[in-house]
Protein backbone atom coordinates (compact mmCIF):
# COMPACT_ATOMS: atom_id res chain seq x y z
CA MET A 1 -0.14 -0.14 -0.19
CA LYS A 2 1.56 3.15 -1.09
CA ILE A 3 0.86 6.69 0.45
CA ALA A 4 1.77 10.32 -0.05
CA LEU A 5 2.81 12.27 2.90
CA LEU A 6 2.03 16.31 2.68
CA GLY A 7 4.38 18.22 5.16
CA LEU A 8 7.58 16.98 7.06
CA GLY A 9 6.68 19.12 9.93
CA THR A 10 6.18 17.92 13.90
CA VAL A 11 3.30 15.40 12.88
CA GLY A 12 4.65 14.38 9.85
CA ARG A 13 8.42 13.65 11.26
CA GLY A 14 6.26 11.72 13.70
CA VAL A 15 4.12 9.83 11.01
CA VAL A 16 7.52 8.57 9.48
CA GLU A 17 8.83 7.64 12.43
CA VAL A 18 5.94 5.38 13.75
CA ILE A 19 5.63 3.69 10.33
CA ASN A 20 9.38 2.88 10.17
CA GLU A 21 9.46 1.99 14.05
CA ASN A 22 6.25 -0.42 13.98
CA LYS A 23 6.57 -1.59 10.11
CA GLU A 24 5.55 -5.25 11.16
CA SER A 25 2.81 -4.67 13.29
CA ILE A 26 1.35 -2.42 10.91
CA ALA A 27 1.65 -4.78 8.23
CA LYS A 28 -0.20 -7.23 10.05
CA ARG A 29 -3.02 -5.06 11.03
CA ALA A 30 -3.38 -3.09 7.47
CA GLY A 31 -3.24 -6.78 5.41
CA GLN A 32 -0.28 -5.54 3.81
CA GLU A 33 2.92 -3.43 4.06
CA VAL A 34 2.66 0.47 3.83
CA GLU A 35 5.51 2.34 2.03
CA ILE A 36 5.57 6.28 1.96
CA LYS A 37 6.12 6.77 -1.89
CA TYR A 38 6.32 10.62 -1.50
CA ILE A 39 6.65 13.33 0.86
CA LEU A 40 5.49 16.82 -0.17
CA ASP A 41 7.34 19.98 0.97
CA ILE A 42 8.85 22.86 -0.52
CA ARG A 43 12.19 22.54 1.64
CA ASP A 44 14.96 20.84 0.89
CA PHE A 45 16.37 18.13 3.08
CA GLU A 46 19.85 17.52 1.94
CA GLY A 47 21.55 14.49 3.93
CA ASP A 48 18.44 13.51 5.42
CA PRO A 49 17.87 9.56 4.24
CA ILE A 50 14.30 10.55 3.20
CA SER A 51 15.16 13.17 0.94
CA THR A 52 15.06 10.98 -1.95
CA LEU A 53 11.22 10.71 -1.30
CA VAL A 54 10.42 14.75 -1.20
CA VAL A 55 8.59 16.27 -3.94
CA LYS A 56 7.25 19.60 -4.43
CA ASP A 57 4.33 19.06 -6.92
CA PHE A 58 1.02 17.73 -5.56
CA GLU A 59 0.57 16.78 -9.21
CA ILE A 60 3.01 14.10 -9.11
CA ILE A 61 1.19 12.52 -5.99
CA VAL A 62 -2.51 12.57 -7.16
CA SER A 63 -1.90 11.39 -10.86
CA ASP A 64 0.28 8.64 -9.51
CA GLU A 65 -2.24 5.63 -9.43
CA GLU A 66 -0.15 3.70 -6.98
CA VAL A 67 -0.73 6.23 -4.24
CA GLU A 68 -3.79 4.95 -2.54
CA ILE A 69 -3.91 7.20 0.98
CA VAL A 70 -2.81 10.60 1.22
CA VAL A 71 -1.42 11.88 4.64
CA GLU A 72 -2.07 15.92 5.45
CA ALA A 73 0.26 16.97 8.29
CA MET A 74 0.72 20.77 6.93
CA GLY A 75 -2.30 22.45 8.67
CA GLY A 76 -4.24 25.54 7.75
CA VAL A 77 -7.23 25.27 5.44
CA GLU A 78 -5.69 25.90 2.33
CA PRO A 79 -3.83 24.43 0.37
CA ALA A 80 -4.90 21.50 2.62
CA TYR A 81 -8.77 21.68 1.40
CA THR A 82 -7.70 21.80 -2.21
CA PHE A 83 -5.51 18.64 -1.84
CA ALA A 84 -8.34 16.64 0.07
CA LYS A 85 -11.08 17.29 -2.25
CA ALA A 86 -8.59 16.49 -5.63
CA SER A 87 -7.11 13.12 -3.54
CA LEU A 88 -10.75 11.94 -2.54
CA SER A 89 -12.22 13.00 -6.26
CA LYS A 90 -9.18 10.70 -7.88
CA GLY A 91 -10.41 7.84 -5.50
CA LYS A 92 -7.49 8.28 -3.13
CA SER A 93 -8.35 8.28 0.76
CA PHE A 94 -7.38 11.38 3.28
CA VAL A 95 -6.22 11.41 6.36
CA THR A 96 -5.46 14.36 8.40
CA SER A 97 -4.92 15.88 11.87
CA ASN A 98 -6.09 19.24 10.60
CA LYS A 99 -8.59 20.56 12.79
CA GLU A 100 -9.11 23.70 10.85
CA LEU A 101 -9.96 21.76 7.69
CA VAL A 102 -12.43 19.41 9.49
CA ALA A 103 -14.30 22.05 11.44
CA LEU A 104 -14.92 24.03 8.36
CA HIS A 105 -15.12 21.50 5.71
CA GLY A 106 -15.62 18.07 7.07
CA ALA A 107 -19.43 17.46 6.13
CA GLU A 108 -18.70 18.06 2.25
CA LEU A 109 -15.26 15.99 2.35
CA LEU A 110 -17.21 12.81 3.80
CA GLU A 111 -19.77 13.47 1.00
CA THR A 112 -16.99 13.33 -1.62
CA ALA A 113 -15.33 10.22 0.05
CA ARG A 114 -18.60 8.36 -0.12
CA LYS A 115 -19.28 9.59 -3.59
CA ASN A 116 -15.80 7.96 -4.67
CA LYS A 117 -15.90 4.64 -2.39
CA VAL A 118 -12.67 6.36 -0.16
CA ASN A 119 -12.46 7.81 2.96
CA PHE A 120 -11.96 10.75 4.62
CA LEU A 121 -10.53 9.93 8.16
CA PHE A 122 -9.69 12.56 11.08
CA GLU A 123 -9.24 10.79 14.36
CA ALA A 124 -6.12 13.10 15.30
CA SER A 125 -7.82 16.31 14.94
CA VAL A 126 -9.23 15.99 18.27
CA GLY A 127 -7.69 14.99 21.14
CA GLY A 128 -4.07 14.14 19.42
CA GLY A 129 -3.79 10.24 20.75
CA ILE A 130 -6.81 9.75 22.43
CA PRO A 131 -9.30 7.61 20.47
CA ILE A 132 -12.75 9.65 20.08
CA ILE A 133 -13.83 10.05 16.56
CA ARG A 134 -13.97 6.27 15.96
CA PRO A 135 -16.23 5.34 19.21
CA LEU A 136 -18.34 8.41 18.24
CA ASN A 137 -18.62 6.34 14.66
CA GLN A 138 -18.81 3.11 15.58
CA SER A 139 -18.96 2.03 19.00
CA LEU A 140 -21.72 4.61 20.35
CA THR A 141 -24.19 4.44 17.66
CA ALA A 142 -26.85 2.78 19.70
CA ASP A 143 -26.65 5.65 22.14
CA GLU A 144 -28.50 8.93 22.06
CA ILE A 145 -25.66 11.21 22.53
CA TYR A 146 -27.13 14.21 24.82
CA GLU A 147 -23.97 15.71 26.34
CA ILE A 148 -19.79 15.86 25.19
CA THR A 149 -17.76 18.05 27.34
CA GLY A 150 -14.01 18.18 26.99
CA ILE A 151 -10.62 19.69 28.15
CA LEU A 152 -9.68 19.79 24.58
CA ASN A 153 -6.58 21.99 24.85
CA GLY A 154 -3.24 21.15 26.40
CA THR A 155 -1.85 24.32 26.41
CA THR A 156 -4.61 26.21 28.36
CA ASN A 157 -4.96 23.31 30.82
CA PHE A 158 -1.15 23.67 31.57
CA ILE A 159 -1.57 27.05 32.18
CA LEU A 160 -4.37 26.49 34.72
CA THR A 161 -2.95 23.66 36.65
CA GLN A 162 0.33 25.91 37.23
CA MET A 163 -1.74 28.56 38.32
CA LYS A 164 -3.88 26.61 40.58
CA GLU A 165 -0.49 24.81 41.95
CA LYS A 166 2.06 27.54 42.35
CA GLY A 167 -0.66 30.55 43.11
CA SER A 168 1.30 32.35 39.73
CA ALA A 169 -0.70 34.87 37.51
CA PHE A 170 -1.70 34.06 33.95
CA GLU A 171 0.93 36.44 32.26
CA GLU A 172 3.96 34.46 34.12
CA VAL A 173 2.38 31.10 33.81
CA LEU A 174 2.27 31.93 30.20
CA LYS A 175 5.85 32.66 29.32
CA GLU A 176 6.82 29.41 31.39
CA ALA A 177 4.55 27.59 28.68
CA GLN A 178 6.04 29.34 25.97
CA ALA A 179 9.82 28.27 27.32
CA LEU A 180 8.57 24.62 27.69
CA GLY A 181 7.30 24.37 24.25
CA TYR A 182 3.76 23.93 25.07
CA ALA A 183 2.60 27.55 24.23
CA GLU A 184 3.27 29.34 20.58
CA LYS A 185 4.97 32.44 20.49
CA ASN A 186 1.27 33.90 19.42
CA PRO A 187 -0.51 31.91 21.65
CA GLU A 188 -4.15 33.31 20.70
CA ALA A 189 -5.52 30.41 19.34
CA ASP A 190 -5.28 28.48 22.52
CA VAL A 191 -5.65 30.85 25.19
CA GLU A 192 -8.61 32.84 23.34
CA GLY A 193 -10.30 29.08 23.06
CA HIS A 194 -10.42 28.99 19.14
CA ASP A 195 -8.70 25.74 19.43
CA ALA A 196 -11.30 23.91 21.60
CA CYS A 197 -13.78 25.75 19.64
CA ARG A 198 -13.10 23.81 16.37
CA LYS A 199 -12.56 20.66 18.17
CA ILE A 200 -16.15 20.54 19.94
CA ALA A 201 -17.55 21.72 16.50
CA ILE A 202 -16.28 18.68 15.06
CA LEU A 203 -17.57 16.23 17.84
CA SER A 204 -20.74 17.86 18.20
CA SER A 205 -21.10 17.54 14.20
CA LEU A 206 -20.53 14.06 14.71
CA ALA A 207 -22.62 13.36 18.06
CA PHE A 208 -25.66 14.99 16.31
CA GLY A 209 -25.07 14.16 12.72
CA GLU A 210 -25.61 17.42 11.41
CA HIS A 211 -22.86 20.37 10.78
CA VAL A 212 -22.04 22.51 13.53
CA ASN A 213 -20.69 25.90 12.58
CA TYR A 214 -17.22 26.41 15.08
CA GLN A 215 -18.31 30.48 13.95
CA ASP A 216 -21.52 30.18 16.01
CA ILE A 217 -20.32 28.86 19.23
CA PRO A 218 -19.68 31.57 21.88
CA THR A 219 -16.08 31.14 22.76
CA GLU A 220 -14.10 32.93 25.75
CA GLY A 221 -10.99 32.14 26.71
CA ILE A 222 -8.78 31.77 29.54
CA THR A 223 -6.86 35.38 29.56
CA LYS A 224 -9.13 37.01 32.45
CA VAL A 225 -8.91 34.38 34.84
CA THR A 226 -6.90 35.15 38.01
CA LYS A 227 -4.69 33.95 40.97
CA GLU A 228 -7.27 35.28 43.15
CA ASP A 229 -10.21 33.10 40.88
CA MET A 230 -8.05 30.23 41.56
CA PHE A 231 -7.85 31.15 45.69
CA TYR A 232 -11.94 31.54 45.61
CA ALA A 233 -12.06 28.26 43.52
CA GLU A 234 -10.32 26.16 46.01
CA SER A 235 -12.11 27.26 49.18
CA MET A 236 -15.33 26.60 47.64
CA GLY A 237 -14.05 23.14 46.36
CA TYR A 238 -13.84 24.05 43.18
CA VAL A 239 -11.14 23.76 40.23
CA ILE A 240 -11.21 26.17 36.97
CA LYS A 241 -10.94 24.51 33.79
CA LEU A 242 -11.49 25.65 30.27
CA LEU A 243 -14.60 23.36 29.09
CA ALA A 244 -15.80 22.96 25.66
CA THR A 245 -19.30 21.24 25.48
CA CYS A 246 -22.36 20.71 23.28
CA GLN A 247 -25.78 19.43 25.36
CA LYS A 248 -29.29 19.09 24.55
CA GLN A 249 -31.15 21.41 26.31
CA ASP A 250 -34.74 21.64 26.49
CA ASP A 251 -35.00 19.74 23.36
CA SER A 252 -32.29 22.23 21.41
CA ILE A 253 -28.71 21.93 21.27
CA PHE A 254 -26.21 24.32 22.49
CA ALA A 255 -22.43 24.86 22.23
CA ARG A 256 -20.06 26.61 24.20
CA VAL A 257 -16.49 27.53 25.16
CA SER A 258 -15.28 29.21 28.72
CA PRO A 259 -13.93 28.79 31.88
CA MET A 260 -15.83 26.68 34.20
CA LEU A 261 -15.54 26.01 37.89
CA ILE A 262 -16.43 22.72 38.66
CA PRO A 263 -16.61 20.26 41.55
CA LEU A 264 -13.94 18.18 42.70
CA THR A 265 -16.18 15.43 42.51
CA HIS A 266 -16.47 15.75 38.67
CA PRO A 267 -14.66 13.38 36.39
CA LEU A 268 -12.60 16.43 34.40
CA ALA A 269 -11.51 17.95 37.57
CA MET A 270 -8.26 15.73 38.21
CA VAL A 271 -7.36 15.99 34.43
CA ASN A 272 -4.06 18.56 34.86
CA ASP A 273 -1.14 19.87 32.87
CA VAL A 274 -1.01 18.89 28.86
CA PHE A 275 -3.61 15.97 29.28
CA ASN A 276 -6.85 16.25 27.59
CA ALA A 277 -10.04 14.29 28.41
CA ILE A 278 -13.45 14.26 26.72
CA PHE A 279 -16.55 12.99 28.70
CA VAL A 280 -19.62 11.70 26.93
CA LYS A 281 -23.16 11.00 28.33
CA GLY A 282 -25.66 8.83 26.68
CA ASN A 283 -29.16 7.82 27.27
CA VAL A 284 -28.05 4.06 27.10
CA ILE A 285 -24.04 3.90 27.87
CA GLY A 286 -24.55 6.42 30.57
CA GLU A 287 -21.33 8.59 31.19
CA VAL A 288 -17.73 7.68 29.57
CA MET A 289 -14.45 9.39 29.67
CA PHE A 290 -11.82 8.88 27.07
CA TYR A 291 -8.38 10.59 28.57
CA GLY A 292 -4.81 10.89 27.56
CA ARG A 293 -2.17 13.49 26.02
CA GLY A 294 -4.09 15.80 23.80
CA ALA A 295 -0.96 16.91 21.32
CA GLY A 296 2.76 16.13 20.68
CA LYS A 297 4.52 14.48 17.68
CA LEU A 298 4.22 10.89 18.81
CA PRO A 299 0.31 10.46 20.18
CA THR A 300 -0.81 12.51 17.22
CA ALA A 301 1.19 10.61 14.26
CA SER A 302 -0.25 7.50 16.33
CA ALA A 303 -3.84 8.68 15.63
CA VAL A 304 -3.04 9.13 12.01
CA VAL A 305 -1.28 6.32 11.29
CA ALA A 306 -4.06 4.24 12.88
CA ASP A 307 -6.66 5.81 10.15
CA VAL A 308 -4.07 4.81 7.57
CA VAL A 309 -4.55 1.13 8.74
CA ASP A 310 -8.30 1.91 8.68
CA ALA A 311 -8.44 3.00 5.11
CA ALA A 312 -5.90 0.34 3.99
CA LYS A 313 -8.67 -2.26 5.86
CA HIS A 314 -11.19 -0.63 4.24
CA LYS A 315 -10.09 -0.28 0.68
CA GLY A 316 -13.06 -0.13 -2.09
CA THR A 317 -15.71 0.40 0.99
CA ASN A 318 -16.29 3.69 2.72
CA ILE A 319 -16.55 3.83 6.75
CA ILE A 320 -20.07 5.14 7.36
CA SER A 321 -20.01 8.22 9.10
CA PHE A 322 -22.83 10.30 10.58
CA TRP A 323 -22.31 14.15 9.64
CA ASN A 324 -24.21 15.54 6.88
CA ARG A 325 -23.95 19.06 5.34
CA GLU A 326 -27.41 20.37 6.86
CA LYS A 327 -26.76 23.21 9.27
CA ILE A 328 -27.71 23.09 13.11
CA GLU A 329 -29.16 25.96 14.64
CA LEU A 330 -27.82 26.29 17.99
CA LYS A 331 -29.79 27.48 20.76
CA ASP A 332 -29.56 31.22 21.18
CA LYS A 333 -26.86 32.14 23.85
CA GLY A 334 -29.17 33.93 25.66
CA GLN A 335 -31.64 31.48 26.27
CA VAL A 336 -29.11 29.36 27.67
CA LYS A 337 -29.05 28.48 31.46
CA ALA A 338 -26.25 28.81 33.63
CA THR A 339 -24.91 29.41 37.15
CA TYR A 340 -22.20 32.25 38.07
CA PHE A 341 -19.65 32.95 40.57
CA VAL A 342 -19.72 36.95 40.59
CA ARG A 343 -16.98 39.02 42.10
CA LEU A 344 -17.80 42.75 42.89
CA GLU A 345 -15.83 45.49 44.59
CA LYS A 346 -17.41 46.37 47.49
CA ASN A 347 -17.32 50.09 47.84
CA ALA A 348 -20.62 50.44 49.91
CA GLU A 349 -21.75 48.74 52.82
CA SER A 350 -25.16 48.46 51.10
CA ILE A 351 -23.59 45.99 48.60
CA ALA A 352 -25.50 42.67 50.30
CA GLN A 353 -28.81 44.15 50.50
CA ARG A 354 -28.48 45.50 46.80
CA VAL A 355 -27.52 42.10 45.44
CA LYS A 356 -30.38 40.17 47.23
CA GLU A 357 -32.70 42.70 45.90
CA VAL A 358 -31.79 42.06 42.06
CA PHE A 359 -30.57 38.34 42.23
CA GLY A 360 -32.86 37.12 44.92
CA GLU A 361 -31.44 34.31 47.00
CA VAL A 362 -27.94 33.91 46.59
CA GLU A 363 -25.18 31.61 48.34
CA GLU A 364 -22.62 34.47 49.69
CA VAL A 365 -18.93 33.30 49.57
CA LYS A 366 -16.34 34.49 52.22
CA PRO A 367 -14.77 37.20 50.27
CA LEU A 368 -11.29 38.89 49.94
CA GLU A 369 -10.97 41.95 51.51
CA GLY A 370 -12.56 44.97 49.41
CA GLU A 371 -14.69 42.30 48.03
CA TYR A 372 -18.27 40.79 47.63
CA ALA A 373 -18.53 37.39 46.16
CA PHE A 374 -21.47 35.10 45.71
CA ILE A 375 -23.26 32.43 43.72
CA THR A 376 -26.22 32.99 41.69
CA GLN A 377 -29.11 30.76 40.93
CA THR A 378 -29.62 28.92 37.63
CA GLU A 379 -31.19 31.16 35.23
CA THR A 380 -30.76 32.36 31.65
CA GLU A 381 -27.66 33.86 30.39
CA ILE A 382 -29.81 37.01 29.22
CA HIS A 383 -31.60 37.38 32.73
CA PHE A 384 -28.29 37.36 34.45
CA ALA A 385 -26.77 40.08 31.89
CA GLN A 386 -29.53 41.94 32.49
CA ARG A 387 -29.49 41.67 36.39
CA LEU A 388 -25.87 42.17 36.68
CA GLU A 389 -26.41 45.60 34.48
CA ARG A 390 -28.44 46.75 37.37
CA VAL A 391 -25.80 46.57 39.66
CA SER A 392 -23.28 48.48 37.27
CA ASP A 393 -22.34 50.90 39.79
CA PHE A 394 -20.48 48.18 41.55
CA LYS A 395 -17.48 47.06 39.73
CA VAL A 396 -17.54 43.39 38.42
CA ILE A 397 -13.86 42.07 39.09
CA SER A 398 -14.68 38.53 37.82
CA LYS A 399 -17.75 36.52 36.54
CA ILE A 400 -17.19 32.59 35.82
CA ARG A 401 -19.95 29.92 35.23
CA ILE A 402 -20.25 27.37 37.68
CA GLU A 403 -20.86 23.40 36.51
CA LYS A 404 -23.54 22.40 38.87
C-alpha cells in the first residue's frame, strides 16, 4: 500500500517515525505493508535519508495511481482543502490531523469520500492520540448522545494547572508554557479558546449528525482568569478548567467554550497539565470518559497512522460517518441556562442587600478584602446579564460559570 505524506513538520516527522518503527505490526493490522512513496514539502532536506522521497509538486502525487492514501500534516485550510478534494475525487483516501480543515469542510469532504468509495479520516484532529472520533462513529452509535464536554486544549490546561498549584498569575505561567514549548509565540488560538472551539464543533457534528459551524459557538478564553479566582475556587471546593461543551437542553442544542468552575467530584477535575479528556453522556451507556495526551508528535502521529491502517483495511468501501451538510441552528446563547460565581468590588456597605434585591436568593462566598462574592441561582444568560447591569454601580471583578 503506497501512501503520500503532505508536510514534514512535527506531526509529519512523527508519522514517518511511527511507520518505520512499527512496520511489521502495521503490516499485520493493515493486511499489507504500508510504504511512503512521496513526501510533499517546499523545503530541501539535503543529507536526510528521506530526501529521495521529497517532491514539490502535488500533481505528481494525485496523478500517481499507485498512491492509494494521502496523509496531510501541513495545517491550515489552504492548500489542505484543495489537496483533500482532489485526492478524494481521484479515488484516494485522505487522512488528516487538521482541525481547521475538518471543522470547516468536514461534512463536504465526507460526502465526496462517500461518492468515490474512499474514506476521509481525521481521528487525530481532536484530542491528538485520544481515540474519540472512531468511538463516536462506531462504538456509541446505539446511544442517543446528549452531552459531550471536554478539556480539549493542553496548553490552557497546563496554564490553569500551574496557576492553581503555584498561585501564579496568567502572564507568568504563559511565559513558562512558551519556554517549555507548550504554547506558541503567538498563543491566541489556544488561550482565547479558538482551538477548543473547532474541536467541539467537530465532536458536536459527529454526535448530532449535522453540521455545527464553529463560528456560531460562543467562545471565551482564559486570559481573564486570575490567581484570586483560583483562590476562591479552592476555598469553595472547585477547580477552574477551560471546558468545551455541546449539550441537548430543552429540546435544542447549545455549544460553548469558556472557563468553568467544576466541583472536585467531577470526572474532569483531576485532569491536569497538558492532558486532555473528553466526557460523553448517552441515554444507554451513561457516562464515559476518554483521557490521554491531547497533542505532541508521537501521540498525534499514532492516531494518524491508525487512520491509515483503517483506510487500508477498508479499501474500496466507505466507512459510514453520520455527519451531513445540513446546518444545526444552535440554541440562542441568551436562552442557555447557567449558574455564575460573581466577584464585585465592595464600595458600599449596602452591597449585600442590593445584590439580594436584584438577584434574589444568592449563596454568599467568604470574600477577599474589599470584595463581595456570591453564587447566583440558575437562570438564562440574558436574565443574568440584565441583573448584572442593574448593579453596574459596583465594579465586576470577575464572573465565571459554574458546572453544578
